[in-house]
Amino acid sequence: METNRSAGQPGKPGRGINRRALLIGGGAAAVGTAALAVDDIRRVWWRVPGVEKPRKAGELDYTPARWIAASEANWRRADRPDDYGVDRVIIHVTQGSYASAVRVFQDPAHRAATHYIVRQNGRVTQMIRELDVAYHAGNRSYNERSIGIEHEGFVDRPQDFTAKMYESSARLTAAICARYGIPVDREHIIGHVEVPGADHTDPGPHWDWKRYMKLVRAASTGGSQAG
């Protein structure tokens, strides 16, 4: 689980637009917007300050999940992958119960949250839209480029990582990788401990990466989920 540090983490943003880009875009539009591709116009338009893409309250990116909203102080509105490319899934462990994770993610003073929580019984809760930047990695660039998944339990208790949790999380990660074209490998599916500059150790030594990646690959190809 992330601590109260992520919102102001140093680091370079992904592919966010800046004032100079907007001014250049405005100049190009003055010369002739017909020369700009429709896609480019759309991408710039949604990133102009004050313009927001329509949202539906409680809308899910992963259909099997249930929705519980995190505090708006624990994430930043975005329009991914248009403004920031998504190329990582980051695995976390809550260091507490599911209920405690939900509670702190709804606490505006916490200043951190992940997109998803996977419970020991395999149930998935989504708390932040994948469109948006969750404060979870302790590294601004990685926040902007990743989807964060918490897992209920403690890093020093291997019994917390149940078969149902592994299988459900693997299906979720496979769906995310398919949605953004993320390679199913350990370079792109990483633990919080592997984020540059992170001071967290999760998911810890008892997280079975070999088993998990086998399950993610199986889910990605429609194969068996036997662990």
C-alpha atoms as a PDB file:
ATOM      1  CA  MET A   1       0.000   0.000   0.000  1.00  0.00           C
ATOM      2  CA  GLU A   2       1.227   3.502  -0.810  1.00  0.00           C
ATOM      3  CA  THR A   3       1.889   6.096   1.854  1.00  0.00           C
ATOM      4  CA  ASN A   4       1.255   9.835   1.978  1.00  0.00           C
ATOM      5  CA  ARG A   5       3.960  10.745  -0.547  1.00  0.00           C
ATOM      6  CA  SER A   6       2.808  10.069  -4.075  1.00  0.00           C
ATOM      7  CA  ALA A   7       1.005  13.221  -5.112  1.00  0.00           C
ATOM      8  CA  GLY A   8       4.121  15.332  -4.976  1.00  0.00           C
ATOM      9  CA  GLN A   9       6.662  12.772  -6.061  1.00  0.00           C
ATOM     10  CA  PRO A  10       9.409  14.086  -8.306  1.00  0.00           C
ATOM     11  CA  GLY A  11       9.758  12.522 -11.695  1.00  0.00           C
ATOM     12  CA  LYS A  12       9.029  13.228 -15.300  1.00  0.00           C
ATOM     13  CA  PRO A  13       5.446  12.934 -16.455  1.00  0.00           C
ATOM     14  CA  GLY A  14       4.605  10.549 -19.276  1.00  0.00           C
ATOM     15  CA  ARG A  15       3.266  12.195 -22.412  1.00  0.00           C
ATOM     16  CA  GLY A  16       1.197  14.955 -20.871  1.00  0.00           C
ATOM     17  CA  ILE A  17       0.581  18.101 -22.847  1.00  0.00           C
ATOM     18  CA  ASN A  18       2.178  21.371 -21.755  1.00  0.00           C
ATOM     19  CA  ARG A  19       1.457  25.056 -22.377  1.00  0.00           C
ATOM     20  CA  ARG A  20       3.997  25.225 -25.209  1.00  0.00           C
ATOM     21  CA  ALA A  21       2.308  22.294 -26.974  1.00  0.00           C
ATOM     22  CA  LEU A  22      -1.067  23.966 -26.640  1.00  0.00           C
ATOM     23  CA  LEU A  23       0.267  27.215 -28.073  1.00  0.00           C
ATOM     24  CA  ILE A  24       1.866  25.379 -30.986  1.00  0.00           C
ATOM     25  CA  GLY A  25      -1.382  23.459 -31.503  1.00  0.00           C
ATOM     26  CA  GLY A  26      -3.317  26.730 -31.460  1.00  0.00           C
ATOM     27  CA  GLY A  27      -0.991  28.203 -34.065  1.00  0.00           C
ATOM     28  CA  ALA A  28      -1.419  25.182 -36.282  1.00  0.00           C
ATOM     29  CA  ALA A  29      -5.179  25.466 -35.936  1.00  0.00           C
ATOM     30  CA  ALA A  30      -5.027  29.104 -37.017  1.00  0.00           C
ATOM     31  CA  VAL A  31      -3.118  28.137 -40.147  1.00  0.00           C
ATOM     32  CA  GLY A  32      -5.664  25.476 -40.988  1.00  0.00           C
ATOM     33  CA  THR A  33      -7.266  22.870 -38.770  1.00  0.00           C
ATOM     34  CA  ALA A  34      -8.134  20.833 -41.824  1.00  0.00           C
ATOM     35  CA  ALA A  35      -4.496  19.804 -41.946  1.00  0.00           C
ATOM     36  CA  LEU A  36      -4.707  18.194 -38.509  1.00  0.00           C
ATOM     37  CA  ALA A  37      -5.847  14.617 -38.104  1.00  0.00           C
ATOM     38  CA  VAL A  38      -9.181  14.212 -36.338  1.00  0.00           C
ATOM     39  CA  ASP A  39      -7.491  12.053 -33.677  1.00  0.00           C
ATOM     40  CA  ASP A  40      -4.920  14.749 -32.915  1.00  0.00           C
ATOM     41  CA  ILE A  41      -7.601  17.420 -32.569  1.00  0.00           C
ATOM     42  CA  ARG A  42      -9.549  15.170 -30.200  1.00  0.00           C
ATOM     43  CA  ARG A  43      -6.514  14.470 -28.040  1.00  0.00           C
ATOM     44  CA  VAL A  44      -5.595  18.130 -27.701  1.00  0.00           C
ATOM     45  CA  TRP A  45      -9.208  19.160 -27.081  1.00  0.00           C
ATOM     46  CA  TRP A  46      -9.708  16.889 -24.081  1.00  0.00           C
ATOM     47  CA  ARG A  47      -6.495  18.165 -22.509  1.00  0.00           C
ATOM     48  CA  VAL A  48      -7.379  21.873 -22.728  1.00  0.00           C
ATOM     49  CA  PRO A  49      -7.867  23.143 -19.146  1.00  0.00           C
ATOM     50  CA  GLY A  50     -11.520  23.140 -18.132  1.00  0.00           C
ATOM     51  CA  VAL A  51     -12.591  20.541 -20.693  1.00  0.00           C
ATOM     52  CA  GLU A  52     -13.634  17.195 -19.230  1.00  0.00           C
ATOM     53  CA  LYS A  53     -14.646  14.008 -20.968  1.00  0.00           C
ATOM     54  CA  PRO A  54     -18.131  12.891 -19.870  1.00  0.00           C
ATOM     55  CA  ARG A  55     -18.072  10.386 -16.984  1.00  0.00           C
ATOM     56  CA  LYS A  56     -20.691   8.082 -15.526  1.00  0.00           C
ATOM     57  CA  ALA A  57     -20.661   7.657 -11.763  1.00  0.00           C
ATOM     58  CA  GLY A  58     -19.699   4.127 -10.791  1.00  0.00           C
ATOM     59  CA  GLU A  59     -18.689   3.103 -14.317  1.00  0.00           C
ATOM     60  CA  LEU A  60     -16.376   0.066 -14.330  1.00  0.00           C
ATOM     61  CA  ASP A  61     -13.394  -0.685 -16.544  1.00  0.00           C
ATOM     62  CA  TYR A  62     -13.393  -4.332 -15.415  1.00  0.00           C
ATOM     63  CA  THR A  63     -16.909  -5.780 -15.515  1.00  0.00           C
ATOM     64  CA  PRO A  64     -16.533  -8.418 -12.753  1.00  0.00           C
ATOM     65  CA  ALA A  65     -15.519  -5.745 -10.226  1.00  0.00           C
ATOM     66  CA  ARG A  66     -17.717  -3.790  -7.842  1.00  0.00           C
ATOM     67  CA  TRP A  67     -17.327  -0.012  -7.583  1.00  0.00           C
ATOM     68  CA  ILE A  68     -16.415   1.906  -4.434  1.00  0.00           C
ATOM     69  CA  ALA A  69     -15.021   5.388  -5.098  1.00  0.00           C
ATOM     70  CA  ALA A  70     -11.707   6.493  -3.622  1.00  0.00           C
ATOM     71  CA  SER A  71     -11.342  10.043  -2.339  1.00  0.00           C
ATOM     72  CA  GLU A  72     -10.616  12.504  -5.140  1.00  0.00           C
ATOM     73  CA  ALA A  73      -7.577  13.637  -3.131  1.00  0.00           C
ATOM     74  CA  ASN A  74      -5.953  10.250  -3.792  1.00  0.00           C
ATOM     75  CA  TRP A  75      -5.893  10.388  -7.588  1.00  0.00           C
ATOM     76  CA  ARG A  76      -5.650  12.873 -10.465  1.00  0.00           C
ATOM     77  CA  ARG A  77      -8.127  13.236 -13.330  1.00  0.00           C
ATOM     78  CA  ALA A  78      -6.647  12.284 -16.684  1.00  0.00           C
ATOM     79  CA  ASP A  79      -7.613  10.842 -20.075  1.00  0.00           C
ATOM     80  CA  ARG A  80      -5.361   7.828 -20.359  1.00  0.00           C
ATOM     81  CA  PRO A  81      -4.082   6.451 -22.623  1.00  0.00           C
ATOM     82  CA  ASP A  82      -4.495   9.610 -24.745  1.00  0.00           C
ATOM     83  CA  ASP A  83      -2.463  11.834 -22.441  1.00  0.00           C
ATOM     84  CA  TYR A  84      -0.314   9.190 -20.723  1.00  0.00           C
ATOM     85  CA  GLY A  85       0.485   5.817 -22.246  1.00  0.00           C
ATOM     86  CA  VAL A  86      -0.202   2.840 -19.961  1.00  0.00           C
ATOM     87  CA  ASP A  87       2.518   0.177 -20.053  1.00  0.00           C
ATOM     88  CA  ARG A  88       2.787  -1.243 -16.526  1.00  0.00           C
ATOM     89  CA  VAL A  89       0.720  -3.170 -13.992  1.00  0.00           C
ATOM     90  CA  ILE A  90       2.009  -2.748 -10.439  1.00  0.00           C
ATOM     91  CA  ILE A  91       1.287  -5.370  -7.792  1.00  0.00           C
ATOM     92  CA  HIS A  92       0.784  -4.217  -4.179  1.00  0.00           C
ATOM     93  CA  VAL A  93      -0.133  -5.836  -0.867  1.00  0.00           C
ATOM     94  CA  THR A  94      -2.371  -3.905   1.522  1.00  0.00           C
ATOM     95  CA  GLN A  95      -0.577  -4.749   4.790  1.00  0.00           C
ATOM     96  CA  GLY A  96      -4.020  -4.925   6.327  1.00  0.00           C
ATOM     97  CA  SER A  97      -7.564  -6.052   5.719  1.00  0.00           C
ATOM     98  CA  TYR A  98      -9.717  -5.250   2.714  1.00  0.00           C
ATOM     99  CA  ALA A  99     -11.885  -3.006   4.898  1.00  0.00           C
ATOM    100  CA  SER A 100      -8.868  -1.039   6.118  1.00  0.00           C
ATOM    101  CA  ALA A 101      -7.641  -0.533   2.553  1.00  0.00           C
ATOM    102  CA  VAL A 102     -11.024   0.804   1.438  1.00  0.00           C
ATOM    103  CA  ARG A 103     -11.119   3.078   4.472  1.00  0.00           C
ATOM    104  CA  VAL A 104      -7.743   4.692   3.839  1.00  0.00           C
ATOM    105  CA  PHE A 105      -8.379   5.023   0.097  1.00  0.00           C
ATOM    106  CA  GLN A 106     -11.517   6.988   0.947  1.00  0.00           C
ATOM    107  CA  ASP A 107      -9.571   9.191   3.369  1.00  0.00           C
ATOM    108  CA  PRO A 108      -8.470  12.442   1.637  1.00  0.00           C
ATOM    109  CA  ALA A 109      -5.596  12.803   4.098  1.00  0.00           C
ATOM    110  CA  HIS A 110      -4.043   9.529   2.951  1.00  0.00           C
ATOM    111  CA  ARG A 111      -3.086  10.932  -0.470  1.00  0.00           C
ATOM    112  CA  ALA A 112      -2.705   7.474  -2.002  1.00  0.00           C
ATOM    113  CA  ALA A 113      -4.856   4.740  -3.529  1.00  0.00           C
ATOM    114  CA  THR A 114      -4.778   2.031  -6.193  1.00  0.00           C
ATOM    115  CA  HIS A 115      -7.187   1.442  -9.047  1.00  0.00           C
ATOM    116  CA  TYR A 116      -8.180  -2.015  -7.788  1.00  0.00           C
ATOM    117  CA  ILE A 117      -8.209  -4.188  -4.665  1.00  0.00           C
ATOM    118  CA  VAL A 118      -8.345  -7.986  -4.903  1.00  0.00           C
ATOM    119  CA  ARG A 119      -9.640  -9.762  -1.811  1.00  0.00           C
ATOM    120  CA  GLN A 120      -8.553 -13.151  -0.484  1.00  0.00           C
ATOM    121  CA  ASN A 121     -11.883 -14.588  -1.664  1.00  0.00           C
ATOM    122  CA  GLY A 122     -11.110 -13.388  -5.201  1.00  0.00           C
ATOM    123  CA  ARG A 123     -13.601 -10.539  -5.334  1.00  0.00           C
ATOM    124  CA  VAL A 124     -12.389  -7.387  -7.075  1.00  0.00           C
ATOM    125  CA  THR A 125     -13.196  -3.790  -6.151  1.00  0.00           C
ATOM    126  CA  GLN A 126     -12.431  -0.864  -8.453  1.00  0.00           C
ATOM    127  CA  MET A 127     -11.907   2.485  -6.709  1.00  0.00           C
ATOM    128  CA  ILE A 128     -10.371   4.664  -9.443  1.00  0.00           C
ATOM    129  CA  ARG A 129     -11.017   4.713 -13.189  1.00  0.00           C
ATOM    130  CA  GLU A 130      -8.190   3.451 -15.381  1.00  0.00           C
ATOM    131  CA  LEU A 131      -8.502   6.751 -17.239  1.00  0.00           C
ATOM    132  CA  ASP A 132      -7.157   8.512 -14.163  1.00  0.00           C
ATOM    133  CA  VAL A 133      -3.779   8.644 -12.428  1.00  0.00           C
ATOM    134  CA  ALA A 134      -3.816   6.906  -9.046  1.00  0.00           C
ATOM    135  CA  TYR A 135      -1.229   7.907  -6.445  1.00  0.00           C
ATOM    136  CA  HIS A 136       0.118   4.451  -5.698  1.00  0.00           C
ATOM    137  CA  ALA A 137       3.663   3.914  -6.942  1.00  0.00           C
ATOM    138  CA  GLY A 138       5.631   6.577  -5.074  1.00  0.00           C
ATOM    139  CA  ASN A 139       6.991   7.746  -8.445  1.00  0.00           C
ATOM    140  CA  ARG A 140       5.137  10.291 -10.585  1.00  0.00           C
ATOM    141  CA  SER A 141       6.122   8.831 -13.938  1.00  0.00           C
ATOM    142  CA  TYR A 142       5.139   5.329 -12.855  1.00  0.00           C
ATOM    143  CA  ASN A 143       1.846   6.614 -11.471  1.00  0.00           C
ATOM    144  CA  GLU A 144       1.070   8.115 -14.862  1.00  0.00           C
ATOM    145  CA  ARG A 145       1.984   5.011 -16.847  1.00  0.00           C
ATOM    146  CA  SER A 146       0.553   2.229 -14.660  1.00  0.00           C
ATOM    147  CA  ILE A 147      -2.500   0.495 -13.220  1.00  0.00           C
ATOM    148  CA  GLY A 148      -2.170  -0.365  -9.522  1.00  0.00           C
ATOM    149  CA  ILE A 149      -3.654  -3.513  -7.962  1.00  0.00           C
ATOM    150  CA  GLU A 150      -3.722  -4.065  -4.201  1.00  0.00           C
ATOM    151  CA  HIS A 151      -4.034  -7.547  -2.686  1.00  0.00           C
ATOM    152  CA  GLU A 152      -5.560  -8.101   0.728  1.00  0.00           C
ATOM    153  CA  GLY A 153      -3.052  -9.430   3.247  1.00  0.00           C
ATOM    154  CA  PHE A 154       0.402  -9.104   4.737  1.00  0.00           C
ATOM    155  CA  VAL A 155       3.742  -9.632   2.993  1.00  0.00           C
ATOM    156  CA  ASP A 156       5.013 -11.960   5.759  1.00  0.00           C
ATOM    157  CA  ARG A 157       1.974 -14.281   5.623  1.00  0.00           C
ATOM    158  CA  PRO A 158       2.080 -16.539   2.560  1.00  0.00           C
ATOM    159  CA  GLN A 159      -1.277 -18.037   3.555  1.00  0.00           C
ATOM    160  CA  ASP A 160      -2.908 -14.686   2.735  1.00  0.00           C
ATOM    161  CA  PHE A 161      -2.190 -15.207  -0.957  1.00  0.00           C
ATOM    162  CA  THR A 162      -4.989 -17.630  -1.726  1.00  0.00           C
ATOM    163  CA  ALA A 163      -5.646 -19.568  -4.912  1.00  0.00           C
ATOM    164  CA  LYS A 164      -8.789 -17.519  -5.525  1.00  0.00           C
ATOM    165  CA  MET A 165      -6.803 -14.297  -5.129  1.00  0.00           C
ATOM    166  CA  TYR A 166      -4.086 -15.373  -7.568  1.00  0.00           C
ATOM    167  CA  GLU A 167      -6.594 -16.548 -10.170  1.00  0.00           C
ATOM    168  CA  SER A 168      -8.844 -13.484  -9.911  1.00  0.00           C
ATOM    169  CA  SER A 169      -5.919 -11.059  -9.963  1.00  0.00           C
ATOM    170  CA  ALA A 170      -4.397 -12.864 -12.949  1.00  0.00           C
ATOM    171  CA  ARG A 171      -7.637 -12.476 -14.923  1.00  0.00           C
ATOM    172  CA  LEU A 172      -7.728  -8.777 -14.034  1.00  0.00           C
ATOM    173  CA  THR A 173      -4.101  -8.232 -15.054  1.00  0.00           C
ATOM    174  CA  ALA A 174      -4.612 -10.157 -18.301  1.00  0.00           C
ATOM    175  CA  ALA A 175      -7.607  -7.947 -19.131  1.00  0.00           C
ATOM    176  CA  ILE A 176      -5.597  -4.789 -18.434  1.00  0.00           C
ATOM    177  CA  CYS A 177      -2.688  -6.013 -20.562  1.00  0.00           C
ATOM    178  CA  ALA A 178      -5.046  -6.830 -23.442  1.00  0.00           C
ATOM    179  CA  ARG A 179      -6.733  -3.417 -23.198  1.00  0.00           C
ATOM    180  CA  TYR A 180      -3.477  -1.448 -23.497  1.00  0.00           C
ATOM    181  CA  GLY A 181      -1.298  -3.871 -25.451  1.00  0.00           C
ATOM    182  CA  ILE A 182       1.005  -4.443 -22.463  1.00  0.00           C
ATOM    183  CA  PRO A 183       3.385  -7.399 -22.877  1.00  0.00           C
ATOM    184  CA  VAL A 184       2.709 -10.201 -20.412  1.00  0.00           C
ATOM    185  CA  ASP A 185       6.156 -10.369 -18.852  1.00  0.00           C
ATOM    186  CA  ARG A 186       7.998  -9.383 -15.690  1.00  0.00           C
ATOM    187  CA  GLU A 187       9.309  -6.188 -17.228  1.00  0.00           C
ATOM    188  CA  HIS A 188       5.786  -4.829 -17.518  1.00  0.00           C
ATOM    189  CA  ILE A 189       4.047  -6.618 -14.619  1.00  0.00           C
ATOM    190  CA  ILE A 190       6.046  -5.605 -11.573  1.00  0.00           C
ATOM    191  CA  GLY A 191       5.936  -5.360  -7.808  1.00  0.00           C
ATOM    192  CA  HIS A 192       5.814  -2.098  -5.907  1.00  0.00           C
ATOM    193  CA  VAL A 193       9.306  -2.881  -4.640  1.00  0.00           C
ATOM    194  CA  GLU A 194      10.566  -2.698  -8.240  1.00  0.00           C
ATOM    195  CA  VAL A 195       9.419   0.875  -8.857  1.00  0.00           C
ATOM    196  CA  PRO A 196      12.447   3.204  -9.048  1.00  0.00           C
ATOM    197  CA  GLY A 197      12.777   5.184  -5.825  1.00  0.00           C
ATOM    198  CA  ALA A 198      10.111   3.179  -3.992  1.00  0.00           C
ATOM    199  CA  ASP A 199      10.678   2.462  -0.301  1.00  0.00           C
ATOM    200  CA  HIS A 200       8.097  -0.337  -0.118  1.00  0.00           C
ATOM    201  CA  THR A 201       8.847  -4.065  -0.130  1.00  0.00           C
ATOM    202  CA  ASP A 202       5.502  -5.415  -1.373  1.00  0.00           C
ATOM    203  CA  PRO A 203       4.403  -7.810  -2.649  1.00  0.00           C
ATOM    204  CA  GLY A 204       7.249  -9.400  -0.671  1.00  0.00           C
ATOM    205  CA  PRO A 205       9.150 -12.706  -0.810  1.00  0.00           C
ATOM    206  CA  HIS A 206       6.055 -14.918  -0.463  1.00  0.00           C
ATOM    207  CA  TRP A 207       4.325 -13.614  -3.576  1.00  0.00           C
ATOM    208  CA  ASP A 208       4.685 -16.481  -6.073  1.00  0.00           C
ATOM    209  CA  TRP A 209       5.652 -14.702  -9.255  1.00  0.00           C
ATOM    210  CA  LYS A 210       6.169 -17.916 -11.239  1.00  0.00           C
ATOM    211  CA  ARG A 211       2.668 -19.107 -10.381  1.00  0.00           C
ATOM    212  CA  TYR A 212       1.143 -15.689 -10.962  1.00  0.00           C
ATOM    213  CA  MET A 213       2.706 -15.117 -14.369  1.00  0.00           C
ATOM    214  CA  LYS A 214       1.655 -18.610 -15.474  1.00  0.00           C
ATOM    215  CA  LEU A 215      -1.917 -17.715 -14.537  1.00  0.00           C
ATOM    216  CA  VAL A 216      -1.757 -14.333 -16.304  1.00  0.00           C
ATOM    217  CA  ARG A 217      -0.430 -15.957 -19.483  1.00  0.00           C
ATOM    218  CA  ALA A 218      -3.159 -18.604 -19.320  1.00  0.00           C
ATOM    219  CA  ALA A 219      -5.847 -15.954 -18.863  1.00  0.00           C
ATOM    220  CA  SER A 220      -4.369 -13.947 -21.741  1.00  0.00           C
ATOM    221  CA  THR A 221      -4.657 -16.897 -24.121  1.00  0.00           C
ATOM    222  CA  GLY A 222      -7.961 -18.222 -22.804  1.00  0.00           C
ATOM    223  CA  GLY A 223      -6.262 -21.257 -21.258  1.00  0.00           C
ATOM    224  CA  SER A 224      -6.870 -23.048 -17.978  1.00  0.00           C
ATOM    225  CA  GLN A 225      -6.600 -21.116 -14.729  1.00  0.00           C
ATOM    226  CA  ALA A 226      -5.311 -24.081 -12.735  1.00  0.00           C
ATOM    227  CA  GLY A 227      -2.499 -22.866 -10.516  1.00  0.00           C
END
